Amino acid sequence: MSLLFKRETRILGLSGARTKEKVVVVGVVFRGSLWLDGVSTSTIDLTERNFNSAIARMIGSTKQFSQLHAVILSRRLTAIMMVSIVKLSGMVGLPVIQPSKQVKKQGPRGLASVAKSLDLVVNRKHNVVSAVGIDREKAEQLYRVACNPSSTMPEAVRVADLIAQELRHRPLNSQRNEPKRTDRTVRSS
């Protein structure tokens, strides 16, 4: 089996945090599972109809876009908004992978049939994903590069989830809550 991906292959992990009518999408670029290479965010209004276009614009605006090998969505993001991995892959020209609950025996007709349901073995554990633009062998190798030896979640996705979880507890406005100042006169003797 030949190596298709280097240890420092750049992978973009996407996650999200929902607050009222908005979703903050967090993108984290990792070089394999070795180190963080970049972070980007985008705020999407949930009343917007085309999430795919907004996410594609965010992906295309990352500094590392030309060096990315794949985009991997987190369960957190797919639970918040419906993202079509087929359309997203077509818009950004990269393989797109998202977690799945189980391998589907037969996909529905139309665009969704382009997405493959794959059962990957990563670190001796099964990981079921839906993928577009990549076959099982390449996806499995990509996950081996992207995951730490004790995990089946790519580091880019894990870190994006951590940032998104932290953002969920923070206000989205740009004004900071500054501490109130009280004027006290200090007299020295």
Protein backbone atom coordinates (compact mmCIF):
# COMPACT_ATOMS: atom_id res chain seq x y z
CA MET A 1 0.00 0.00 0.00
CA SER A 2 1.55 3.31 -1.10
CA LEU A 3 1.37 6.39 1.06
CA LEU A 4 -0.97 8.95 -0.46
CA PHE A 5 -0.73 11.57 2.27
CA LYS A 6 2.30 12.94 4.09
CA ARG A 7 2.37 13.28 7.88
CA GLU A 8 1.97 17.06 7.48
CA THR A 9 -0.96 17.00 5.06
CA ARG A 10 -3.15 20.04 5.68
CA ILE A 11 -6.72 19.21 6.69
CA LEU A 12 -9.51 21.64 7.51
CA GLY A 13 -11.81 20.65 10.37
CA LEU A 14 -15.13 22.50 10.66
CA SER A 15 -17.33 22.85 13.72
CA GLY A 16 -19.97 25.31 14.85
CA ALA A 17 -21.63 27.01 17.78
CA ARG A 18 -25.24 28.19 17.75
CA THR A 19 -26.41 31.29 19.56
CA LYS A 20 -29.99 32.47 18.98
CA GLU A 21 -30.37 33.11 15.22
CA LYS A 22 -26.68 32.78 14.31
CA VAL A 23 -24.11 30.06 13.92
CA VAL A 24 -20.41 30.70 14.29
CA VAL A 25 -18.59 28.28 12.02
CA VAL A 26 -15.04 27.54 13.18
CA GLY A 27 -12.44 26.22 10.76
CA VAL A 28 -9.15 24.79 12.00
CA VAL A 29 -6.32 23.81 9.68
CA PHE A 30 -4.00 21.15 11.04
CA ARG A 31 -0.90 19.67 9.51
CA GLY A 32 -1.81 16.03 9.95
CA SER A 33 -2.20 15.55 13.68
CA LEU A 34 1.04 17.35 14.44
CA TRP A 35 0.31 21.05 14.71
CA LEU A 36 -2.22 23.78 14.26
CA ASP A 37 -1.66 25.83 11.11
CA GLY A 38 -4.57 28.28 11.12
CA VAL A 39 -8.01 29.20 12.45
CA SER A 40 -10.86 30.98 10.68
CA THR A 41 -14.41 31.82 11.65
CA SER A 42 -17.57 32.95 9.95
CA THR A 43 -20.90 34.02 11.40
CA ILE A 44 -23.91 32.73 9.47
CA ASP A 45 -27.46 33.89 10.01
CA LEU A 46 -29.79 30.89 10.36
CA THR A 47 -32.40 32.66 8.25
CA GLU A 48 -29.95 32.47 5.33
CA ARG A 49 -31.03 29.73 2.97
CA ASN A 50 -27.69 28.74 1.48
CA PHE A 51 -25.33 27.58 4.24
CA ASN A 52 -23.12 25.85 1.68
CA SER A 53 -22.21 29.11 -0.07
CA ALA A 54 -21.34 30.85 3.21
CA ILE A 55 -19.17 27.93 4.34
CA ALA A 56 -17.53 27.68 0.89
CA ARG A 57 -16.65 31.40 1.04
CA MET A 58 -15.08 30.89 4.46
CA ILE A 59 -13.07 27.90 3.25
CA GLY A 60 -11.90 29.76 0.14
CA SER A 61 -10.74 32.73 2.20
CA THR A 62 -8.36 30.71 4.41
CA LYS A 63 -4.66 31.38 3.84
CA GLN A 64 -3.98 27.66 3.43
CA PHE A 65 -6.79 26.99 0.93
CA SER A 66 -4.44 26.11 -1.95
CA GLN A 67 -2.66 23.57 0.28
CA LEU A 68 -5.71 21.83 1.76
CA HIS A 69 -6.28 18.16 0.95
CA ALA A 70 -9.72 17.67 2.54
CA VAL A 71 -12.49 19.24 4.63
CA ILE A 72 -13.90 17.23 7.54
CA LEU A 73 -17.11 18.31 9.29
CA SER A 74 -17.81 17.65 12.96
CA ARG A 75 -20.93 16.09 14.44
CA ARG A 76 -21.52 19.37 16.26
CA LEU A 77 -21.77 21.31 12.97
CA THR A 78 -23.96 18.75 11.23
CA ALA A 79 -26.33 18.78 14.22
CA ILE A 80 -26.73 22.57 13.98
CA MET A 81 -27.21 23.03 10.26
CA MET A 82 -27.87 20.99 7.15
CA VAL A 83 -24.77 21.09 5.00
CA SER A 84 -24.75 19.27 1.67
CA ILE A 85 -21.33 17.66 1.42
CA VAL A 86 -21.95 17.07 -2.30
CA LYS A 87 -22.59 20.75 -3.02
CA LEU A 88 -19.83 21.91 -0.67
CA SER A 89 -17.29 19.61 -2.31
CA GLY A 90 -18.30 20.92 -5.73
CA MET A 91 -17.98 24.54 -4.59
CA VAL A 92 -14.53 24.21 -3.00
CA GLY A 93 -13.11 21.47 -5.23
CA LEU A 94 -11.95 19.33 -2.30
CA PRO A 95 -13.05 16.04 -0.76
CA VAL A 96 -15.55 16.60 2.05
CA ILE A 97 -16.15 14.08 4.83
CA GLN A 98 -18.74 14.08 7.61
CA PRO A 99 -19.47 11.62 10.41
CA SER A 100 -22.29 9.18 9.87
CA LYS A 101 -24.19 6.88 12.20
CA GLN A 102 -24.06 3.73 10.12
CA VAL A 103 -23.13 2.45 6.71
CA LYS A 104 -26.06 2.79 4.32
CA LYS A 105 -26.78 -0.21 2.14
CA GLN A 106 -28.13 1.84 -0.75
CA GLY A 107 -28.12 5.61 -1.10
CA PRO A 108 -31.03 7.68 -2.35
CA ARG A 109 -31.12 8.76 -5.98
CA GLY A 110 -29.88 12.11 -7.22
CA LEU A 111 -27.11 14.24 -5.71
CA ALA A 112 -26.97 12.30 -2.47
CA SER A 113 -25.95 9.14 -4.33
CA VAL A 114 -22.60 10.81 -5.10
CA ALA A 115 -21.81 10.69 -1.37
CA LYS A 116 -20.35 7.36 -0.33
CA SER A 117 -20.93 5.81 3.05
CA LEU A 118 -17.59 4.39 4.24
CA ASP A 119 -16.60 2.20 7.16
CA LEU A 120 -13.04 3.25 8.02
CA VAL A 121 -10.74 1.37 10.37
CA VAL A 122 -8.68 3.94 12.25
CA ASN A 123 -6.51 2.98 15.22
CA ARG A 124 -8.22 -0.44 15.30
CA LYS A 125 -11.67 1.14 15.68
CA HIS A 126 -14.46 1.48 13.16
CA ASN A 127 -15.43 4.97 12.10
CA VAL A 128 -18.40 5.43 9.75
CA VAL A 129 -18.38 8.51 7.54
CA SER A 130 -20.09 9.92 4.46
CA ALA A 131 -17.62 11.19 1.89
CA VAL A 132 -17.53 12.95 -1.46
CA GLY A 133 -14.49 13.12 -3.72
CA ILE A 134 -12.47 10.44 -1.94
CA ASP A 135 -12.56 6.64 -1.84
CA ARG A 136 -12.34 4.38 1.22
CA GLU A 137 -8.60 3.65 0.97
CA LYS A 138 -7.64 7.32 0.65
CA ALA A 139 -10.09 8.37 3.39
CA GLU A 140 -8.67 5.74 5.73
CA GLN A 141 -5.11 6.94 5.06
CA LEU A 142 -6.19 10.54 5.54
CA TYR A 143 -7.72 9.67 8.94
CA ARG A 144 -4.54 7.83 9.96
CA VAL A 145 -2.55 10.99 9.24
CA ALA A 146 -5.14 13.31 10.83
CA CYS A 147 -5.83 11.37 14.05
CA ASN A 148 -3.69 10.89 17.14
CA PRO A 149 -2.83 7.23 17.84
CA SER A 150 -5.50 6.98 20.56
CA SER A 151 -8.35 8.68 18.69
CA THR A 152 -10.65 8.25 15.71
CA MET A 153 -11.42 11.98 15.50
CA PRO A 154 -9.07 14.11 13.38
CA GLU A 155 -7.18 16.71 15.41
CA ALA A 156 -8.47 19.53 13.21
CA VAL A 157 -12.05 18.57 14.06
CA ARG A 158 -11.30 18.02 17.76
CA VAL A 159 -9.74 21.46 18.14
CA ALA A 160 -12.50 23.13 16.06
CA ASP A 161 -15.05 21.51 18.40
CA LEU A 162 -13.21 22.83 21.47
CA ILE A 163 -13.14 26.38 20.09
CA ALA A 164 -16.81 26.19 19.04
CA GLN A 165 -17.80 24.90 22.47
CA GLU A 166 -16.02 27.83 24.09
CA LEU A 167 -17.63 30.33 21.67
CA ARG A 168 -21.07 29.00 22.55
CA HIS A 169 -20.64 30.40 26.04
CA ARG A 170 -19.43 33.82 24.89
CA PRO A 171 -21.47 36.74 23.54
CA LEU A 172 -21.07 37.31 19.79
CA ASN A 173 -21.02 41.09 19.93
CA SER A 174 -17.68 42.76 19.39
CA GLN A 175 -17.97 45.08 22.38
CA ARG A 176 -16.29 43.79 25.47
CA ASN A 177 -17.82 44.07 28.87
CA GLU A 178 -15.34 46.26 30.64
CA PRO A 179 -15.23 46.29 34.41
CA LYS A 180 -16.90 49.25 36.08
CA ARG A 181 -14.48 51.79 37.42
CA THR A 182 -15.08 53.61 40.60
CA ASP A 183 -13.25 56.77 41.52
CA ARG A 184 -11.51 56.38 44.81
CA THR A 185 -9.12 58.81 46.19
CA VAL A 186 -6.24 57.24 47.96
CA ARG A 187 -4.55 59.49 50.49
CA SER A 188 -1.07 58.80 51.48
CA SER A 189 0.22 59.94 54.82
